[in-house]
Amino acid sequence: MLPPKIVILGVGNLLLSDEGVGVHVAHELMKMNLPPEVSVVEGGTDGFGLLNIIMEANRLIVIDAVKGGAAPGSIYRFDIGEVRNCPSGFKTSVHQIGILEVLDLSELIGKTPYTTVIGIEPKSLEMGMELSPEVNAKIPRVIKLIMHELKIDIRHQIVP
């Protein structure tokens, strides 16, 4: 029996400062020695182009900028069912085609992985490739949360 395929998907637009936080987290995870069943994908703003990656996963963790109204750098964690039940003022993605629409399509086709969204409240969505200090400071905490989700000991995962 094959081990479950786990995909960590960092999404966002690198050109809009904190909107790219998911991609920045993915880049950091790519430097780590993760188990073979874990794939890290830089999803950028591919939207529906990510459908095949999502449908091949048994477990999906999405990292994205999330506007929830809290202080910049605040971290949110939701299972996908909880995200769908959020009030309409709570924006789960700040790009054009959100991951929710892609997951809804995968459900229509017939296969949606168990999905968790880890979101980081952006400070700036201005043009620029640098994260704000508040958001950048949270990347190590986000990585620890991902490892906790996967039950991986982060101390043994850093590639020398």
Protein backbone atom coordinates (compact mmCIF):
# COMPACT_ATOMS: atom_id res chain seq x y z
CA MET A 1 0.00 0.00 0.00
CA LEU A 2 1.35 3.41 -0.98
CA PRO A 3 1.90 6.00 1.75
CA PRO A 4 -0.55 8.91 1.63
CA LYS A 5 0.50 11.73 -0.67
CA ILE A 6 0.79 14.94 1.31
CA VAL A 7 0.98 18.28 -0.51
CA ILE A 8 1.97 21.55 1.12
CA LEU A 9 0.80 24.27 -1.24
CA GLY A 10 2.10 27.82 -0.86
CA VAL A 11 -0.03 30.26 -2.82
CA GLY A 12 0.05 34.00 -3.42
CA ASN A 13 1.50 36.74 -5.57
CA LEU A 14 5.18 37.45 -4.87
CA LEU A 15 4.86 40.89 -6.48
CA LEU A 16 2.36 42.17 -3.87
CA SER A 17 4.48 41.99 -0.70
CA ASP A 18 2.58 40.06 2.03
CA GLU A 19 0.20 38.52 -0.52
CA GLY A 20 3.16 36.25 -1.42
CA VAL A 21 3.66 34.84 2.07
CA GLY A 22 2.51 31.34 1.07
CA VAL A 23 5.16 31.19 -1.65
CA HIS A 24 7.85 32.44 0.77
CA VAL A 25 6.90 29.67 3.23
CA ALA A 26 7.03 27.10 0.41
CA HIS A 27 10.55 28.27 -0.50
CA GLU A 28 11.68 27.76 3.11
CA LEU A 29 10.09 24.29 3.24
CA MET A 30 11.86 23.32 0.01
CA LYS A 31 15.18 23.76 1.84
CA MET A 32 14.17 21.08 4.36
CA ASN A 33 14.65 17.34 4.21
CA LEU A 34 11.00 16.25 4.33
CA PRO A 35 9.71 12.66 4.11
CA PRO A 36 9.28 11.33 0.53
CA GLU A 37 5.47 11.35 0.76
CA VAL A 38 5.50 15.13 1.36
CA SER A 39 5.61 17.43 -1.68
CA VAL A 40 5.99 21.18 -1.39
CA VAL A 41 4.44 23.12 -4.27
CA GLU A 42 4.84 26.79 -5.06
CA GLY A 43 1.35 27.46 -6.37
CA GLY A 44 1.74 31.18 -6.95
CA THR A 45 -1.52 32.45 -8.42
CA ASP A 46 -2.14 29.44 -10.69
CA GLY A 47 -5.73 28.97 -9.49
CA PHE A 48 -7.35 26.26 -11.55
CA GLY A 49 -3.93 25.17 -12.82
CA LEU A 50 -3.44 23.60 -9.38
CA LEU A 51 -6.40 21.24 -9.78
CA ASN A 52 -4.33 18.16 -10.73
CA ILE A 53 -1.92 18.69 -7.83
CA ILE A 54 -4.84 19.02 -5.41
CA MET A 55 -6.66 15.98 -6.73
CA GLU A 56 -3.56 13.77 -6.45
CA ALA A 57 -3.16 14.59 -2.75
CA ASN A 58 -4.62 12.64 0.15
CA ARG A 59 -3.73 15.48 2.52
CA LEU A 60 -3.40 19.13 1.55
CA ILE A 61 -2.06 22.02 3.60
CA VAL A 62 -2.54 25.42 1.97
CA ILE A 63 -0.47 28.41 3.07
CA ASP A 64 -1.95 31.75 2.03
CA ALA A 65 -2.49 35.38 3.00
CA VAL A 66 -5.84 35.64 4.80
CA LYS A 67 -7.65 38.87 5.62
CA GLY A 68 -9.46 38.21 8.86
CA GLY A 69 -9.22 41.66 10.41
CA ALA A 70 -6.67 40.76 13.10
CA ALA A 71 -3.24 42.32 13.60
CA PRO A 72 -0.73 41.90 10.74
CA GLY A 73 1.15 38.63 11.14
CA SER A 74 -1.73 36.91 12.94
CA ILE A 75 -1.90 33.23 12.05
CA TYR A 76 -5.14 31.39 11.30
CA ARG A 77 -5.72 27.65 11.00
CA PHE A 78 -8.87 26.17 9.50
CA ASP A 79 -10.01 22.87 8.19
CA ILE A 80 -11.65 23.42 4.83
CA GLY A 81 -15.19 22.93 6.17
CA GLU A 82 -14.62 25.71 8.70
CA VAL A 83 -13.41 28.07 5.98
CA ARG A 84 -16.57 27.51 3.95
CA ASN A 85 -18.68 28.45 6.98
CA CYS A 86 -16.84 31.72 7.71
CA PRO A 87 -18.74 35.01 7.51
CA SER A 88 -18.56 36.67 4.11
CA GLY A 89 -16.40 39.51 5.46
CA PHE A 90 -13.64 37.02 6.17
CA LYS A 91 -11.62 36.77 2.95
CA THR A 92 -9.75 33.48 2.77
CA SER A 93 -7.59 34.52 -0.13
CA VAL A 94 -6.64 37.85 -1.54
CA HIS A 95 -6.01 36.75 -5.11
CA GLN A 96 -8.41 36.50 -7.99
CA ILE A 97 -9.26 32.78 -8.00
CA GLY A 98 -9.12 31.57 -4.44
CA ILE A 99 -8.14 28.09 -3.40
CA LEU A 100 -11.73 27.54 -2.24
CA GLU A 101 -13.01 27.71 -5.80
CA VAL A 102 -10.39 25.18 -6.90
CA LEU A 103 -11.30 22.86 -4.01
CA ASP A 104 -14.98 23.22 -4.85
CA LEU A 105 -14.21 22.14 -8.41
CA SER A 106 -12.18 19.14 -7.19
CA GLU A 107 -15.19 18.15 -5.07
CA LEU A 108 -17.46 18.34 -8.12
CA ILE A 109 -15.04 16.12 -10.03
CA GLY A 110 -15.06 13.71 -7.14
CA LYS A 111 -11.85 13.92 -5.12
CA THR A 112 -11.02 16.48 -2.49
CA PRO A 113 -8.15 15.80 -0.07
CA TYR A 114 -8.42 16.41 3.65
CA THR A 115 -7.46 20.10 3.60
CA THR A 116 -6.15 22.54 6.18
CA VAL A 117 -5.56 26.23 5.47
CA ILE A 118 -2.91 28.11 7.41
CA GLY A 119 -3.34 31.80 6.78
CA ILE A 120 -1.29 34.81 7.74
CA GLU A 121 -2.86 38.25 8.10
CA PRO A 122 -1.10 40.59 5.64
CA LYS A 123 0.05 44.09 6.55
CA SER A 124 0.85 45.30 3.05
CA LEU A 125 -0.51 44.34 -0.37
CA GLU A 126 1.49 47.06 -2.11
CA MET A 127 3.78 46.35 -5.06
CA GLY A 128 7.03 44.89 -3.79
CA MET A 129 8.72 41.53 -3.33
CA GLU A 130 9.63 41.89 0.34
CA LEU A 131 7.38 40.73 3.16
CA SER A 132 6.55 43.20 5.93
CA PRO A 133 8.62 42.59 9.10
CA GLU A 134 5.46 41.51 10.97
CA VAL A 135 4.64 38.80 8.41
CA ASN A 136 8.24 37.72 7.77
CA ALA A 137 8.76 37.18 11.51
CA LYS A 138 5.94 34.60 11.53
CA ILE A 139 7.43 32.25 8.90
CA PRO A 140 9.26 30.05 11.47
CA ARG A 141 6.03 29.75 13.50
CA VAL A 142 4.05 28.81 10.37
CA ILE A 143 6.61 26.11 9.53
CA LYS A 144 6.32 24.72 13.08
CA LEU A 145 2.54 24.62 12.68
CA ILE A 146 2.88 22.72 9.40
CA MET A 147 5.26 20.22 11.01
CA HIS A 148 2.82 19.83 13.88
CA GLU A 149 0.03 19.13 11.37
CA LEU A 150 2.18 16.43 9.81
CA LYS A 151 3.63 15.21 13.13
CA ILE A 152 7.19 15.82 11.89
CA ASP A 153 10.04 16.79 14.22
CA ILE A 154 11.40 20.00 12.71
CA ARG A 155 14.81 19.67 14.43
CA HIS A 156 15.71 16.78 12.15
CA GLN A 157 14.49 18.35 8.91
CA ILE A 158 16.92 21.19 8.22
CA VAL A 159 19.17 20.41 5.27
CA PRO A 160 22.80 21.34 6.10
